[in-house]
């Protein structure tokens, strides 16, 4: 192989790697990976229906807490 082919392949690889790194950094900065509870709850429940039921129960609990909240 000629050295210019290797140089082009190396340059292209570095460029694509830099794009992937920038995309990952952008996703982390914008909070794309911040939803820890979704992933933790997904292991506890068998299906998406079970997970949605659990989320609905949690929302009802929070609404009940807000309803019964009495500031002192």
N, C-alpha and C. Protein backbone atom coordinates (compact mmCIF):
# COMPACT_ATOMS: atom_id res chain seq x y z
N UNK A 1 0.83 -1.18 0.00
CA UNK A 1 0.00 0.00 0.00
C UNK A 1 0.88 1.24 0.00
N UNK A 2 0.36 2.22 -0.63
CA UNK A 2 1.08 3.50 -0.63
C UNK A 2 0.84 4.21 0.70
N UNK A 3 1.77 5.02 1.05
CA UNK A 3 1.67 5.73 2.33
C UNK A 3 0.53 6.75 2.32
N UNK A 4 0.13 7.30 1.17
CA UNK A 4 -0.95 8.26 1.15
C UNK A 4 -2.29 7.59 1.44
N UNK A 5 -2.45 6.33 1.09
CA UNK A 5 -3.69 5.61 1.41
C UNK A 5 -3.79 5.41 2.92
N UNK A 6 -2.69 5.02 3.53
CA UNK A 6 -2.68 4.84 4.98
C UNK A 6 -2.94 6.17 5.68
N UNK A 7 -2.36 7.23 5.16
CA UNK A 7 -2.57 8.56 5.74
C UNK A 7 -4.03 8.98 5.63
N UNK A 8 -4.64 8.72 4.47
CA UNK A 8 -6.06 9.07 4.30
C UNK A 8 -6.94 8.25 5.24
N UNK A 9 -6.66 6.96 5.36
CA UNK A 9 -7.45 6.12 6.24
C UNK A 9 -7.29 6.54 7.71
N UNK A 10 -6.06 6.87 8.10
CA UNK A 10 -5.81 7.34 9.47
C UNK A 10 -6.52 8.67 9.72
N UNK A 11 -6.43 9.59 8.77
CA UNK A 11 -7.11 10.88 8.91
C UNK A 11 -8.62 10.72 8.99
N UNK A 12 -9.17 9.88 8.14
CA UNK A 12 -10.62 9.64 8.18
C UNK A 12 -11.06 9.00 9.48
N UNK A 13 -10.27 8.06 9.98
CA UNK A 13 -10.59 7.42 11.25
C UNK A 13 -10.55 8.41 12.40
N UNK A 14 -9.54 9.26 12.42
CA UNK A 14 -9.45 10.27 13.47
C UNK A 14 -10.61 11.25 13.40
N UNK A 15 -11.00 11.64 12.17
CA UNK A 15 -12.12 12.55 12.00
C UNK A 15 -13.41 11.93 12.51
N UNK A 16 -13.68 10.68 12.12
CA UNK A 16 -14.91 10.02 12.57
C UNK A 16 -14.90 9.78 14.08
N UNK A 17 -13.75 9.45 14.63
CA UNK A 17 -13.64 9.28 16.08
C UNK A 17 -13.89 10.58 16.82
N UNK A 18 -13.39 11.68 16.26
CA UNK A 18 -13.62 12.99 16.88
C UNK A 18 -15.10 13.35 16.82
N UNK A 19 -15.76 13.06 15.71
CA UNK A 19 -17.21 13.31 15.61
C UNK A 19 -17.98 12.50 16.64
N UNK A 20 -17.62 11.24 16.80
CA UNK A 20 -18.29 10.39 17.79
C UNK A 20 -18.07 10.92 19.20
N UNK A 21 -16.85 11.35 19.50
CA UNK A 21 -16.55 11.90 20.81
C UNK A 21 -17.33 13.19 21.06
N UNK A 22 -17.39 14.05 20.08
CA UNK A 22 -18.16 15.29 20.23
C UNK A 22 -19.65 15.00 20.41
N UNK A 23 -20.16 14.03 19.67
CA UNK A 23 -21.57 13.66 19.83
C UNK A 23 -21.85 13.11 21.21
N UNK A 24 -20.96 12.28 21.73
CA UNK A 24 -21.13 11.75 23.08
C UNK A 24 -21.06 12.85 24.12
N UNK A 25 -20.10 13.76 23.98
CA UNK A 25 -19.97 14.87 24.93
C UNK A 25 -21.20 15.77 24.89
N UNK A 26 -21.74 16.00 23.72
CA UNK A 26 -22.96 16.80 23.59
C UNK A 26 -24.12 16.12 24.30
N UNK A 27 -24.25 14.80 24.14
CA UNK A 27 -25.34 14.06 24.78
C UNK A 27 -25.22 14.11 26.30
N UNK A 28 -24.01 13.97 26.81
CA UNK A 28 -23.82 14.03 28.26
C UNK A 28 -24.14 15.42 28.78
N UNK A 29 -23.70 16.45 28.06
CA UNK A 29 -23.94 17.83 28.47
C UNK A 29 -25.43 18.16 28.52
N UNK A 30 -26.21 17.60 27.58
CA UNK A 30 -27.64 17.89 27.50
C UNK A 30 -28.48 16.94 28.34
N UNK A 31 -27.86 16.07 29.12
CA UNK A 31 -28.60 15.22 30.05
C UNK A 31 -29.27 14.02 29.42
N UNK A 32 -28.77 13.51 28.33
CA UNK A 32 -29.38 12.36 27.68
C UNK A 32 -29.26 11.09 28.51
N UNK A 33 -28.30 11.02 29.41
CA UNK A 33 -28.07 9.80 30.18
C UNK A 33 -28.39 9.99 31.67
N UNK A 34 -29.19 10.99 32.01
CA UNK A 34 -29.47 11.30 33.41
C UNK A 34 -30.62 10.53 34.02
N UNK A 35 -31.38 9.79 33.23
CA UNK A 35 -32.57 9.11 33.73
C UNK A 35 -32.19 7.75 34.31
N UNK A 36 -31.60 7.75 35.50
CA UNK A 36 -31.13 6.52 36.12
C UNK A 36 -32.29 5.63 36.55
N UNK A 37 -33.37 6.24 37.04
CA UNK A 37 -34.49 5.45 37.55
C UNK A 37 -35.14 4.60 36.47
N UNK A 38 -35.19 5.09 35.27
CA UNK A 38 -35.79 4.32 34.18
C UNK A 38 -35.03 3.02 33.97
N UNK A 39 -33.72 3.09 33.98
CA UNK A 39 -32.92 1.90 33.75
C UNK A 39 -32.96 0.96 34.95
N UNK A 40 -32.99 1.52 36.15
CA UNK A 40 -33.06 0.68 37.34
C UNK A 40 -34.42 0.00 37.44
N UNK A 41 -35.49 0.73 37.14
CA UNK A 41 -36.82 0.16 37.20
C UNK A 41 -37.06 -0.84 36.08
N UNK A 42 -36.40 -0.67 34.96
CA UNK A 42 -36.57 -1.59 33.84
C UNK A 42 -36.09 -2.99 34.20
N UNK A 43 -35.13 -3.08 35.11
CA UNK A 43 -34.66 -4.40 35.53
C UNK A 43 -35.59 -5.04 36.54
N UNK A 44 -36.39 -4.24 37.23
CA UNK A 44 -37.30 -4.77 38.25
C UNK A 44 -38.59 -5.31 37.66
N UNK A 45 -39.02 -4.77 36.54
CA UNK A 45 -40.31 -5.12 35.97
C UNK A 45 -40.13 -5.86 34.65
N UNK A 46 -41.04 -6.78 34.37
CA UNK A 46 -40.89 -7.65 33.21
C UNK A 46 -41.19 -6.96 31.88
N UNK A 47 -42.19 -6.12 31.85
CA UNK A 47 -42.60 -5.54 30.56
C UNK A 47 -42.80 -4.03 30.71
N UNK A 48 -43.04 -3.40 29.60
CA UNK A 48 -43.27 -1.96 29.64
C UNK A 48 -44.60 -1.64 30.33
N UNK A 49 -45.57 -2.54 30.23
CA UNK A 49 -46.85 -2.32 30.93
C UNK A 49 -46.64 -2.30 32.44
N UNK A 50 -45.83 -3.24 32.95
CA UNK A 50 -45.53 -3.26 34.38
C UNK A 50 -44.80 -1.99 34.80
N UNK A 51 -43.89 -1.55 33.98
CA UNK A 51 -43.14 -0.33 34.28
C UNK A 51 -44.07 0.88 34.26
N UNK A 52 -44.95 0.97 33.29
CA UNK A 52 -45.90 2.08 33.23
C UNK A 52 -46.85 2.07 34.43
N UNK A 53 -47.27 0.87 34.86
CA UNK A 53 -48.12 0.77 36.05
C UNK A 53 -47.39 1.27 37.29
N UNK A 54 -46.12 0.91 37.41
CA UNK A 54 -45.32 1.36 38.55
C UNK A 54 -45.16 2.88 38.54
N UNK A 55 -44.95 3.44 37.38
CA UNK A 55 -44.81 4.90 37.27
C UNK A 55 -46.11 5.58 37.65
N UNK A 56 -47.22 5.03 37.21
CA UNK A 56 -48.53 5.60 37.54
C UNK A 56 -48.79 5.54 39.04
N UNK A 57 -48.43 4.43 39.68
CA UNK A 57 -48.59 4.32 41.13
C UNK A 57 -47.73 5.36 41.85
N UNK A 58 -46.51 5.56 41.35
CA UNK A 58 -45.63 6.55 41.96
C UNK A 58 -46.20 7.96 41.82
N UNK A 59 -46.79 8.26 40.68
CA UNK A 59 -47.41 9.58 40.48
C UNK A 59 -48.59 9.78 41.42
N UNK A 60 -49.37 8.72 41.64
CA UNK A 60 -50.51 8.82 42.55
C UNK A 60 -50.04 9.06 43.97
N UNK A 61 -48.94 8.40 44.37
CA UNK A 61 -48.39 8.62 45.70
C UNK A 61 -47.95 10.07 45.88
N UNK A 62 -47.26 10.60 44.88
CA UNK A 62 -46.79 11.99 44.96
C UNK A 62 -47.95 12.96 45.00
N UNK A 63 -49.01 12.69 44.22
CA UNK A 63 -50.17 13.56 44.23
C UNK A 63 -50.86 13.52 45.59
N UNK A 64 -50.92 12.35 46.20
CA UNK A 64 -51.52 12.22 47.52
C UNK A 64 -50.70 12.95 48.57
N UNK A 65 -49.37 12.87 48.46
CA UNK A 65 -48.51 13.59 49.39
C UNK A 65 -48.73 15.10 49.27
N UNK A 66 -48.85 15.58 48.04
CA UNK A 66 -49.07 17.01 47.82
C UNK A 66 -50.42 17.43 48.36
N UNK A 67 -51.41 16.57 48.21
CA UNK A 67 -52.76 16.89 48.66
C UNK A 67 -52.80 16.96 50.19
N UNK A 68 -52.09 16.06 50.86
CA UNK A 68 -52.10 16.02 52.33
C UNK A 68 -51.02 16.86 52.96
N UNK A 69 -50.26 17.58 52.19
CA UNK A 69 -49.17 18.41 52.71
C UNK A 69 -49.73 19.61 53.43
N UNK A 70 -49.25 19.81 54.66
CA UNK A 70 -49.70 20.96 55.43
C UNK A 70 -48.48 21.76 55.87
N UNK A 71 -48.26 22.91 55.31
CA UNK A 71 -47.10 23.72 55.75
C UNK A 71 -47.30 24.23 57.16
N UNK A 72 -46.25 24.26 57.92
CA UNK A 72 -46.35 24.68 59.32
C UNK A 72 -45.84 26.07 59.52
